[in-house]
Amino acid sequence: MSTPIIKAMLVGDDVAEALGITARGRSPVFSLCRALLAAGADPMARLECFRGEILCLIIKSVGVGATLTIEESATRGPRVTRWKPFSRADVAHRIQESDAGVVE
């Protein structure tokens, strides 16, 4: 049995689309892999990404692509790293109300 292939389209520098799913962000192809898995795609499926008619990127498997992201800092250029979801602590409520009831 051959490995399934999913064809994706890249639009601009922050959008990837496949199978009716659109992912936007700094690393849209890896985000698309996570969305495809959530929608029930085969984790072993190969993802072929096109710009128009040109094949420009191949992800060996959607399952592997879903575990990756692009990270960049002020001292290091972009690099591929392991993806991890935000924890509750990372996105905790940080707005405090003053005595006057004004949100700061």
PDB file of N, CA and C in Angstrom:
ATOM      1  N   MET A   1       0.850  -1.178   0.000  1.00  0.00           N
ATOM      2  CA  MET A   1       0.000   0.000   0.000  1.00  0.00           C
ATOM      3  C   MET A   1       0.890   1.235   0.000  1.00  0.00           C
ATOM      4  N   SER A   2       0.574   2.206  -0.826  1.00  0.00           N
ATOM      5  CA  SER A   2       1.398   3.410  -0.920  1.00  0.00           C
ATOM      6  C   SER A   2       0.971   4.443   0.122  1.00  0.00           C
ATOM      7  N   THR A   3       1.919   5.329   0.437  1.00  0.00           N
ATOM      8  CA  THR A   3       1.662   6.397   1.400  1.00  0.00           C
ATOM      9  C   THR A   3       0.720   7.420   0.775  1.00  0.00           C
ATOM     10  N   PRO A   4      -0.350   7.818   1.487  1.00  0.00           N
ATOM     11  CA  PRO A   4      -1.243   8.840   0.942  1.00  0.00           C
ATOM     12  C   PRO A   4      -0.516  10.181   0.811  1.00  0.00           C
ATOM     13  N   ILE A   5      -0.936  10.967  -0.165  1.00  0.00           N
ATOM     14  CA  ILE A   5      -0.352  12.286  -0.388  1.00  0.00           C
ATOM     15  C   ILE A   5      -1.462  13.326  -0.277  1.00  0.00           C
ATOM     16  N   ILE A   6      -1.207  14.365   0.502  1.00  0.00           N
ATOM     17  CA  ILE A   6      -2.124  15.498   0.614  1.00  0.00           C
ATOM     18  C   ILE A   6      -1.453  16.670  -0.072  1.00  0.00           C
ATOM     19  N   LYS A   7      -2.176  17.318  -0.972  1.00  0.00           N
ATOM     20  CA  LYS A   7      -1.630  18.475  -1.683  1.00  0.00           C
ATOM     21  C   LYS A   7      -2.135  19.756  -1.032  1.00  0.00           C
ATOM     22  N   ALA A   8      -1.206  20.664  -0.745  1.00  0.00           N
ATOM     23  CA  ALA A   8      -1.532  21.932  -0.104  1.00  0.00           C
ATOM     24  C   ALA A   8      -1.105  23.082  -1.001  1.00  0.00           C
ATOM     25  N   MET A   9      -1.789  24.202  -0.827  1.00  0.00           N
ATOM     26  CA  MET A   9      -1.420  25.427  -1.548  1.00  0.00           C
ATOM     27  C   MET A   9      -0.904  26.437  -0.539  1.00  0.00           C
ATOM     28  N   LEU A  10       0.204  27.089  -0.872  1.00  0.00           N
ATOM     29  CA  LEU A  10       0.742  28.161  -0.048  1.00  0.00           C
ATOM     30  C   LEU A  10       0.330  29.481  -0.667  1.00  0.00           C
ATOM     31  N   VAL A  11      -0.177  30.377   0.168  1.00  0.00           N
ATOM     32  CA  VAL A  11      -0.653  31.675  -0.292  1.00  0.00           C
ATOM     33  C   VAL A  11       0.071  32.744   0.525  1.00  0.00           C
ATOM     34  N   GLY A  12       0.797  33.619  -0.147  1.00  0.00           N
ATOM     35  CA  GLY A  12       1.566  34.626   0.581  1.00  0.00           C
ATOM     36  C   GLY A  12       2.605  33.946   1.453  1.00  0.00           C
ATOM     37  N   ASP A  13       2.923  34.578   2.581  1.00  0.00           N
ATOM     38  CA  ASP A  13       3.913  33.984   3.477  1.00  0.00           C
ATOM     39  C   ASP A  13       3.308  33.470   4.779  1.00  0.00           C
ATOM     40  N   ASP A  14       1.975  33.524   4.900  1.00  0.00           N
ATOM     41  CA  ASP A  14       1.389  33.106   6.173  1.00  0.00           C
ATOM     42  C   ASP A  14       0.112  32.283   6.059  1.00  0.00           C
ATOM     43  N   VAL A  15      -0.152  31.690   4.895  1.00  0.00           N
ATOM     44  CA  VAL A  15      -1.368  30.892   4.711  1.00  0.00           C
ATOM     45  C   VAL A  15      -1.031  29.590   3.986  1.00  0.00           C
ATOM     46  N   ALA A  16      -1.583  28.483   4.502  1.00  0.00           N
ATOM     47  CA  ALA A  16      -1.489  27.182   3.849  1.00  0.00           C
ATOM     48  C   ALA A  16      -2.880  26.562   3.858  1.00  0.00           C
ATOM     49  N   GLU A  17      -3.271  25.947   2.724  1.00  0.00           N
ATOM     50  CA  GLU A  17      -4.615  25.382   2.589  1.00  0.00           C
ATOM     51  C   GLU A  17      -4.541  23.975   2.014  1.00  0.00           C
ATOM     52  N   ALA A  18      -5.359  23.076   2.582  1.00  0.00           N
ATOM     53  CA  ALA A  18      -5.479  21.719   2.044  1.00  0.00           C
ATOM     54  C   ALA A  18      -6.778  21.104   2.551  1.00  0.00           C
ATOM     55  N   LEU A  19      -7.422  20.335   1.700  1.00  0.00           N
ATOM     56  CA  LEU A  19      -8.643  19.592   2.058  1.00  0.00           C
ATOM     57  C   LEU A  19      -9.699  20.474   2.715  1.00  0.00           C
ATOM     58  N   GLY A  20      -9.814  21.724   2.256  1.00  0.00           N
ATOM     59  CA  GLY A  20     -10.810  22.638   2.805  1.00  0.00           C
ATOM     60  C   GLY A  20     -10.422  23.256   4.136  1.00  0.00           C
ATOM     61  N   ILE A  21      -9.192  23.039   4.576  1.00  0.00           N
ATOM     62  CA  ILE A  21      -8.704  23.597   5.840  1.00  0.00           C
ATOM     63  C   ILE A  21      -7.689  24.685   5.528  1.00  0.00           C
ATOM     64  N   THR A  22      -7.818  25.829   6.194  1.00  0.00           N
ATOM     65  CA  THR A  22      -6.887  26.935   6.017  1.00  0.00           C
ATOM     66  C   THR A  22      -6.177  27.203   7.338  1.00  0.00           C
ATOM     67  N   ALA A  23      -4.853  27.296   7.275  1.00  0.00           N
ATOM     68  CA  ALA A  23      -4.048  27.616   8.463  1.00  0.00           C
ATOM     69  C   ALA A  23      -3.305  28.915   8.188  1.00  0.00           C
ATOM     70  N   ARG A  24      -3.315  29.801   9.181  1.00  0.00           N
ATOM     71  CA  ARG A  24      -2.617  31.077   9.071  1.00  0.00           C
ATOM     72  C   ARG A  24      -1.638  31.200  10.234  1.00  0.00           C
ATOM     73  N   GLY A  25      -0.533  31.882   9.999  1.00  0.00           N
ATOM     74  CA  GLY A  25       0.416  32.107  11.079  1.00  0.00           C
ATOM     75  C   GLY A  25       1.835  32.202  10.585  1.00  0.00           C
ATOM     76  N   ARG A  26       2.753  32.241  11.545  1.00  0.00           N
ATOM     77  CA  ARG A  26       4.172  32.368  11.209  1.00  0.00           C
ATOM     78  C   ARG A  26       4.727  31.102  10.587  1.00  0.00           C
ATOM     79  N   SER A  27       4.182  29.959  10.927  1.00  0.00           N
ATOM     80  CA  SER A  27       4.594  28.688  10.311  1.00  0.00           C
ATOM     81  C   SER A  27       3.338  27.941   9.867  1.00  0.00           C
ATOM     82  N   PRO A  28       2.709  28.432   8.792  1.00  0.00           N
ATOM     83  CA  PRO A  28       1.399  27.899   8.404  1.00  0.00           C
ATOM     84  C   PRO A  28       1.409  26.431   7.992  1.00  0.00           C
ATOM     85  N   VAL A  29       2.498  25.939   7.438  1.00  0.00           N
ATOM     86  CA  VAL A  29       2.524  24.536   7.013  1.00  0.00           C
ATOM     87  C   VAL A  29       2.467  23.618   8.228  1.00  0.00           C
ATOM     88  N   PHE A  30       3.234  23.925   9.267  1.00  0.00           N
ATOM     89  CA  PHE A  30       3.192  23.104  10.474  1.00  0.00           C
ATOM     90  C   PHE A  30       1.839  23.243  11.177  1.00  0.00           C
ATOM     91  N   SER A  31       1.264  24.446  11.172  1.00  0.00           N
ATOM     92  CA  SER A  31      -0.080  24.642  11.731  1.00  0.00           C
ATOM     93  C   SER A  31      -1.107  23.837  10.946  1.00  0.00           C
ATOM     94  N   LEU A  32      -0.944  23.804   9.625  1.00  0.00           N
ATOM     95  CA  LEU A  32      -1.843  23.019   8.782  1.00  0.00           C
ATOM     96  C   LEU A  32      -1.740  21.536   9.121  1.00  0.00           C
ATOM     97  N   CYS A  33      -0.546  21.051   9.371  1.00  0.00           N
ATOM     98  CA  CYS A  33      -0.377  19.642   9.772  1.00  0.00           C
ATOM     99  C   CYS A  33      -1.183  19.343  11.031  1.00  0.00           C
ATOM    100  N   ARG A  34      -1.116  20.231  12.027  1.00  0.00           N
ATOM    101  CA  ARG A  34      -1.884  20.014  13.262  1.00  0.00           C
ATOM    102  C   ARG A  34      -3.384  20.030  12.983  1.00  0.00           C
ATOM    103  N   ALA A  35      -3.819  20.963  12.142  1.00  0.00           N
ATOM    104  CA  ALA A  35      -5.251  21.048  11.813  1.00  0.00           C
ATOM    105  C   ALA A  35      -5.708  19.817  11.029  1.00  0.00           C
ATOM    106  N   LEU A  36      -4.880  19.328  10.131  1.00  0.00           N
ATOM    107  CA  LEU A  36      -5.233  18.129   9.368  1.00  0.00           C
ATOM    108  C   LEU A  36      -5.369  16.917  10.286  1.00  0.00           C
ATOM    109  N   LEU A  37      -4.442  16.781  11.226  1.00  0.00           N
ATOM    110  CA  LEU A  37      -4.546  15.678  12.179  1.00  0.00           C
ATOM    111  C   LEU A  37      -5.828  15.772  12.998  1.00  0.00           C
ATOM    112  N   ALA A  38      -6.142  16.987  13.453  1.00  0.00           N
ATOM    113  CA  ALA A  38      -7.365  17.193  14.243  1.00  0.00           C
ATOM    114  C   ALA A  38      -8.611  16.846  13.431  1.00  0.00           C
ATOM    115  N   ALA A  39      -8.532  17.010  12.108  1.00  0.00           N
ATOM    116  CA  ALA A  39      -9.663  16.705  11.230  1.00  0.00           C
ATOM    117  C   ALA A  39      -9.696  15.232  10.823  1.00  0.00           C
ATOM    118  N   GLY A  40      -8.712  14.453  11.296  1.00  0.00           N
ATOM    119  CA  GLY A  40      -8.730  13.019  11.025  1.00  0.00           C
ATOM    120  C   GLY A  40      -7.837  12.545   9.902  1.00  0.00           C
ATOM    121  N   ALA A  41      -6.926  13.382   9.422  1.00  0.00           N
ATOM    122  CA  ALA A  41      -6.025  12.964   8.349  1.00  0.00           C
ATOM    123  C   ALA A  41      -5.075  11.871   8.839  1.00  0.00           C
ATOM    124  N   ASP A  42      -4.611  11.065   7.926  1.00  0.00           N
ATOM    125  CA  ASP A  42      -3.655   9.998   8.228  1.00  0.00           C
ATOM    126  C   ASP A  42      -2.322  10.632   8.645  1.00  0.00           C
ATOM    127  N   PRO A  43      -1.827  10.326   9.843  1.00  0.00           N
ATOM    128  CA  PRO A  43      -0.569  10.928  10.291  1.00  0.00           C
ATOM    129  C   PRO A  43       0.627  10.536   9.420  1.00  0.00           C
ATOM    130  N   MET A  44       0.503   9.445   8.674  1.00  0.00           N
ATOM    131  CA  MET A  44       1.598   9.015   7.797  1.00  0.00           C
ATOM    132  C   MET A  44       1.537   9.683   6.422  1.00  0.00           C
ATOM    133  N   ALA A  45       0.463  10.421   6.139  1.00  0.00           N
ATOM    134  CA  ALA A  45       0.315  11.063   4.835  1.00  0.00           C
ATOM    135  C   ALA A  45       1.428  12.073   4.593  1.00  0.00           C
ATOM    136  N   ARG A  46       1.910  12.100   3.384  1.00  0.00           N
ATOM    137  CA  ARG A  46       2.925  13.065   2.964  1.00  0.00           C
ATOM    138  C   ARG A  46       2.213  14.342   2.551  1.00  0.00           C
ATOM    139  N   LEU A  47       2.773  15.492   2.913  1.00  0.00           N
ATOM    140  CA  LEU A  47       2.178  16.776   2.556  1.00  0.00           C
ATOM    141  C   LEU A  47       3.044  17.445   1.501  1.00  0.00           C
ATOM    142  N   GLU A  48       2.482  17.646   0.306  1.00  0.00           N
ATOM    143  CA  GLU A  48       3.192  18.329  -0.776  1.00  0.00           C
ATOM    144  C   GLU A  48       2.619  19.730  -0.899  1.00  0.00           C
ATOM    145  N   CYS A  49       3.467  20.733  -0.730  1.00  0.00           N
ATOM    146  CA  CYS A  49       3.033  22.131  -0.731  1.00  0.00           C
ATOM    147  C   CYS A  49       3.432  22.804  -2.033  1.00  0.00           C
ATOM    148  N   PHE A  50       2.465  23.479  -2.643  1.00  0.00           N
ATOM    149  CA  PHE A  50       2.672  24.131  -3.937  1.00  0.00           C
ATOM    150  C   PHE A  50       2.452  25.631  -3.843  1.00  0.00           C
ATOM    151  N   ARG A  51       3.181  26.365  -4.651  1.00  0.00           N
ATOM    152  CA  ARG A  51       2.907  27.777  -4.948  1.00  0.00           C
ATOM    153  C   ARG A  51       2.562  27.786  -6.428  1.00  0.00           C
ATOM    154  N   GLY A  52       1.275  27.922  -6.683  1.00  0.00           N
ATOM    155  CA  GLY A  52       0.828  27.791  -8.070  1.00  0.00           C
ATOM    156  C   GLY A  52       1.078  26.362  -8.531  1.00  0.00           C
ATOM    157  N   GLU A  53       1.824  26.206  -9.623  1.00  0.00           N
ATOM    158  CA  GLU A  53       2.129  24.882 -10.170  1.00  0.00           C
ATOM    159  C   GLU A  53       3.447  24.313  -9.642  1.00  0.00           C
ATOM    160  N   ILE A  54       4.164  25.078  -8.829  1.00  0.00           N
ATOM    161  CA  ILE A  54       5.510  24.685  -8.395  1.00  0.00           C
ATOM    162  C   ILE A  54       5.488  24.000  -7.028  1.00  0.00           C
ATOM    163  N   LEU A  55       6.010  22.779  -6.991  1.00  0.00           N
ATOM    164  CA  LEU A  55       6.172  22.066  -5.730  1.00  0.00           C
ATOM    165  C   LEU A  55       7.342  22.708  -5.000  1.00  0.00           C
ATOM    166  N   CYS A  56       7.078  23.285  -3.817  1.00  0.00           N
ATOM    167  CA  CYS A  56       8.133  24.038  -3.133  1.00  0.00           C
ATOM    168  C   CYS A  56       8.510  23.477  -1.769  1.00  0.00           C
ATOM    169  N   LEU A  57       7.712  22.555  -1.230  1.00  0.00           N
ATOM    170  CA  LEU A  57       8.021  22.005   0.088  1.00  0.00           C
ATOM    171  C   LEU A  57       7.332  20.656   0.241  1.00  0.00           C
ATOM    172  N   ILE A  58       8.057  19.705   0.819  1.00  0.00           N
ATOM    173  CA  ILE A  58       7.480  18.396   1.118  1.00  0.00           C
ATOM    174  C   ILE A  58       7.678  18.119   2.605  1.00  0.00           C
ATOM    175  N   ILE A  59       6.597  17.762   3.277  1.00  0.00           N
ATOM    176  CA  ILE A  59       6.652  17.318   4.667  1.00  0.00           C
ATOM    177  C   ILE A  59       6.495  15.796   4.616  1.00  0.00           C
ATOM    178  N   LYS A  60       7.475  15.082   5.121  1.00  0.00           N
ATOM    179  CA  LYS A  60       7.506  13.617   5.015  1.00  0.00           C
ATOM    180  C   LYS A  60       6.245  12.962   5.560  1.00  0.00           C
ATOM    181  N   SER A  61       5.750  13.469   6.692  1.00  0.00           N
ATOM    182  CA  SER A  61       4.488  12.960   7.218  1.00  0.00           C
ATOM    183  C   SER A  61       3.789  14.063   8.007  1.00  0.00           C
ATOM    184  N   VAL A  62       2.474  14.102   7.888  1.00  0.00           N
ATOM    185  CA  VAL A  62       1.668  15.097   8.606  1.00  0.00           C
ATOM    186  C   VAL A  62       1.890  14.955  10.112  1.00  0.00           C
ATOM    187  N   GLY A  63       2.042  13.721  10.576  1.00  0.00           N
ATOM    188  CA  GLY A  63       2.268  13.486  11.997  1.00  0.00           C
ATOM    189  C   GLY A  63       3.554  14.124  12.502  1.00  0.00           C
ATOM    190  N   VAL A  64       4.623  14.029  11.721  1.00  0.00           N
ATOM    191  CA  VAL A  64       5.891  14.656  12.103  1.00  0.00           C
ATOM    192  C   VAL A  64       5.774  16.176  11.998  1.00  0.00           C
ATOM    193  N   GLY A  65       5.191  16.666  10.919  1.00  0.00           N
ATOM    194  CA  GLY A  65       5.027  18.112  10.735  1.00  0.00           C
ATOM    195  C   GLY A  65       4.232  18.753  11.862  1.00  0.00           C
ATOM    196  N   ALA A  66       3.280  18.011  12.413  1.00  0.00           N
ATOM    197  CA  ALA A  66       2.445  18.540  13.502  1.00  0.00           C
ATOM    198  C   ALA A  66       3.237  18.780  14.778  1.00  0.00           C
ATOM    199  N   THR A  67       4.395  18.169  14.899  1.00  0.00           N
ATOM    200  CA  THR A  67       5.207  18.317  16.118  1.00  0.00           C
ATOM    201  C   THR A  67       6.222  19.445  16.010  1.00  0.00           C
ATOM    202  N   LEU A  68       6.218  20.171  14.887  1.00  0.00           N
ATOM    203  CA  LEU A  68       7.242  21.189  14.643  1.00  0.00           C
ATOM    204  C   LEU A  68       6.675  22.596  14.540  1.00  0.00           C
ATOM    205  N   THR A  69       7.540  23.579  14.712  1.00  0.00           N
ATOM    206  CA  THR A  69       7.197  24.985  14.507  1.00  0.00           C
ATOM    207  C   THR A  69       8.476  25.744  14.169  1.00  0.00           C
ATOM    208  N   ILE A  70       8.351  27.016  13.864  1.00  0.00           N
ATOM    209  CA  ILE A  70       9.502  27.884  13.617  1.00  0.00           C
ATOM    210  C   ILE A  70       9.655  28.795  14.821  1.00  0.00           C
ATOM    211  N   GLU A  71      10.862  28.880  15.331  1.00  0.00           N
ATOM    212  CA  GLU A  71      11.150  29.738  16.488  1.00  0.00           C
ATOM    213  C   GLU A  71      12.237  30.720  16.087  1.00  0.00           C
ATOM    214  N   GLU A  72      12.138  31.912  16.630  1.00  0.00           N
ATOM    215  CA  GLU A  72      13.109  32.951  16.312  1.00  0.00           C
ATOM    216  C   GLU A  72      13.232  33.872  17.516  1.00  0.00           C
ATOM    217  N   SER A  73      14.412  34.393  17.749  1.00  0.00           N
ATOM    218  CA  SER A  73      14.611  35.327  18.857  1.00  0.00           C
ATOM    219  C   SER A  73      15.424  36.516  18.370  1.00  0.00           C
ATOM    220  N   ALA A  74      15.662  37.463  19.269  1.00  0.00           N
ATOM    221  CA  ALA A  74      16.436  38.651  18.907  1.00  0.00           C
ATOM    222  C   ALA A  74      17.884  38.301  18.586  1.00  0.00           C
ATOM    223  N   THR A  75      18.374  37.197  19.139  1.00  0.00           N
ATOM    224  CA  THR A  75      19.772  36.828  18.920  1.00  0.00           C
ATOM    225  C   THR A  75      19.960  35.656  17.974  1.00  0.00           C
ATOM    226  N   ARG A  76      18.892  34.943  17.633  1.00  0.00           N
ATOM    227  CA  ARG A  76      18.976  33.793  16.728  1.00  0.00           C
ATOM    228  C   ARG A  76      17.970  33.937  15.610  1.00  0.00           C
ATOM    229  N   GLY A  77      18.391  33.574  14.436  1.00  0.00           N
ATOM    230  CA  GLY A  77      17.482  33.604  13.297  1.00  0.00           C
ATOM    231  C   GLY A  77      16.461  32.484  13.386  1.00  0.00           C
ATOM    232  N   PRO A  78      15.578  32.395  12.399  1.00  0.00           N
ATOM    233  CA  PRO A  78      14.540  31.367  12.428  1.00  0.00           C
ATOM    234  C   PRO A  78      15.144  29.963  12.392  1.00  0.00           C
ATOM    235  N   ARG A  79      14.517  29.046  13.152  1.00  0.00           N
ATOM    236  CA  ARG A  79      14.947  27.649  13.151  1.00  0.00           C
ATOM    237  C   ARG A  79      13.748  26.765  13.455  1.00  0.00           C
ATOM    238  N   VAL A  80      13.817  25.551  12.985  1.00  0.00           N
ATOM    239  CA  VAL A  80      12.751  24.578  13.236  1.00  0.00           C
ATOM    240  C   VAL A  80      12.970  23.984  14.633  1.00  0.00           C
ATOM    241  N   THR A  81      11.907  23.990  15.433  1.00  0.00           N
ATOM    242  CA  THR A  81      11.971  23.435  16.787  1.00  0.00           C
ATOM    243  C   THR A  81      10.716  22.620  17.071  1.00  0.00           C
ATOM    244  N   ARG A  82      10.710  21.961  18.204  1.00  0.00           N
ATOM    245  CA  ARG A  82       9.527  21.214  18.639  1.00  0.00           C
ATOM    246  C   ARG A  82       8.417  22.174  19.014  1.00  0.00           C
ATOM    247  N   TRP A  83       7.194  21.884  18.592  1.00  0.00           N
ATOM    248  CA  TRP A  83       6.016  22.682  18.933  1.00  0.00           C
ATOM    249  C   TRP A  83       5.475  22.195  20.264  1.00  0.00           C
ATOM    250  N   LYS A  84       5.002  23.125  21.063  1.00  0.00           N
ATOM    251  CA  LYS A  84       4.280  22.750  22.283  1.00  0.00           C
ATOM    252  C   LYS A  84       3.100  23.703  22.420  1.00  0.00           C
ATOM    253  N   PRO A  85       1.956  23.177  22.814  1.00  0.00           N
ATOM    254  CA  PRO A  85       0.793  24.048  22.978  1.00  0.00           C
ATOM    255  C   PRO A  85       1.004  24.985  24.163  1.00  0.00           C
ATOM    256  N   PHE A  86       0.328  26.126  24.138  1.00  0.00           N
ATOM    257  CA  PHE A  86       0.402  27.051  25.265  1.00  0.00           C
ATOM    258  C   PHE A  86      -0.179  26.370  26.490  1.00  0.00           C
ATOM    259  N   SER A  87       0.436  26.608  27.631  1.00  0.00           N
ATOM    260  CA  SER A  87      -0.124  26.106  28.878  1.00  0.00           C
ATOM    261  C   SER A  87      -1.093  27.148  29.422  1.00  0.00           C
ATOM    262  N   ARG A  88      -1.911  26.770  30.351  1.00  0.00           N
ATOM    263  CA  ARG A  88      -2.837  27.733  30.968  1.00  0.00           C
ATOM    264  C   ARG A  88      -2.069  28.882  31.593  1.00  0.00           C
ATOM    265  N   ALA A  89      -0.912  28.603  32.173  1.00  0.00           N
ATOM    266  CA  ALA A  89      -0.111  29.661  32.805  1.00  0.00           C
ATOM    267  C   ALA A  89       0.370  30.685  31.767  1.00  0.00           C
ATOM    268  N   ASP A  90       0.662  30.210  30.546  1.00  0.00           N
ATOM    269  CA  ASP A  90       1.128  31.109  29.494  1.00  0.00           C
ATOM    270  C   ASP A  90       0.056  32.095  29.058  1.00  0.00           C
ATOM    271  N   VAL A  91      -1.195  31.679  29.142  1.00  0.00           N
ATOM    272  CA  VAL A  91      -2.284  32.518  28.661  1.00  0.00           C
ATOM    273  C   VAL A  91      -3.231  32.936  29.779  1.00  0.00           C
ATOM    274  N   ALA A  92      -2.741  32.916  30.998  1.00  0.00           N
ATOM    275  CA  ALA A  92      -3.566  33.263  32.162  1.00  0.00           C
ATOM    276  C   ALA A  92      -4.041  34.708  32.084  1.00  0.00           C
ATOM    277  N   HIS A  93      -5.132  34.937  32.752  1.00  0.00           N
ATOM    278  CA  HIS A  93      -5.725  36.274  32.800  1.00  0.00           C
ATOM    279  C   HIS A  93      -4.757  37.232  33.493  1.00  0.00           C
ATOM    280  N   ARG A  94      -4.305  38.260  32.795  1.00  0.00           N
ATOM    281  CA  ARG A  94      -3.305  39.177  33.346  1.00  0.00           C
ATOM    282  C   ARG A  94      -3.822  40.606  33.478  1.00  0.00           C
ATOM    283  N   ILE A  95      -5.082  40.812  33.204  1.00  0.00           N
ATOM    284  CA  ILE A  95      -5.655  42.153  33.318  1.00  0.00           C
ATOM    285  C   ILE A  95      -6.173  42.343  34.733  1.00  0.00           C
ATOM    286  N   GLN A  96      -5.823  43.447  35.327  1.00  0.00           N
ATOM    287  CA  GLN A  96      -6.287  43.752  36.678  1.00  0.00           C
ATOM    288  C   GLN A  96      -7.152  45.004  36.636  1.00  0.00           C
ATOM    289  N   GLU A  97      -8.164  44.995  37.457  1.00  0.00           N
ATOM    290  CA  GLU A  97      -9.048  46.160  37.522  1.00  0.00           C
ATOM    291  C   GLU A  97      -8.571  47.098  38.622  1.00  0.00           C
ATOM    292  N   SER A  98      -8.581  48.391  38.311  1.00  0.00           N
ATOM    293  CA  SER A  98      -8.220  49.368  39.338  1.00  0.00           C
ATOM    294  C   SER A  98      -9.438  49.629  40.224  1.00  0.00           C
ATOM    295  N   ASP A  99      -9.271  50.423  41.279  1.00  0.00           N
ATOM    296  CA  ASP A  99     -10.372  50.747  42.174  1.00  0.00           C
ATOM    297  C   ASP A  99     -11.503  51.471  41.462  1.00  0.00           C
ATOM    298  N   ALA A 100     -11.193  52.206  40.409  1.00  0.00           N
ATOM    299  CA  ALA A 100     -12.192  52.974  39.674  1.00  0.00           C
ATOM    300  C   ALA A 100     -12.962  52.085  38.685  1.00  0.00           C
ATOM    301  N   GLY A 101     -12.586  50.818  38.579  1.00  0.00           N
ATOM    302  CA  GLY A 101     -13.295  49.941  37.660  1.00  0.00           C
ATOM    303  C   GLY A 101     -12.774  50.041  36.223  1.00  0.00           C
ATOM    304  N   VAL A 102     -11.648  50.697  36.034  1.00  0.00           N
ATOM    305  CA  VAL A 102     -11.067  50.848  34.710  1.00  0.00           C
ATOM    306  C   VAL A 102     -10.069  49.718  34.503  1.00  0.00           C
ATOM    307  N   VAL A 103     -10.158  49.075  33.372  1.00  0.00           N
ATOM    308  CA  VAL A 103      -9.235  47.989  33.065  1.00  0.00           C
ATOM    309  C   VAL A 103      -7.923  48.597  32.621  1.00  0.00           C
ATOM    310  N   GLU A 104      -6.844  48.145  33.245  1.00  0.00           N
ATOM    311  CA  GLU A 104      -5.522  48.662  32.909  1.00  0.00           C
ATOM    312  C   GLU A 104      -4.745  47.656  32.097  1.00  0.00           C
TER     313      GLU A 104
END
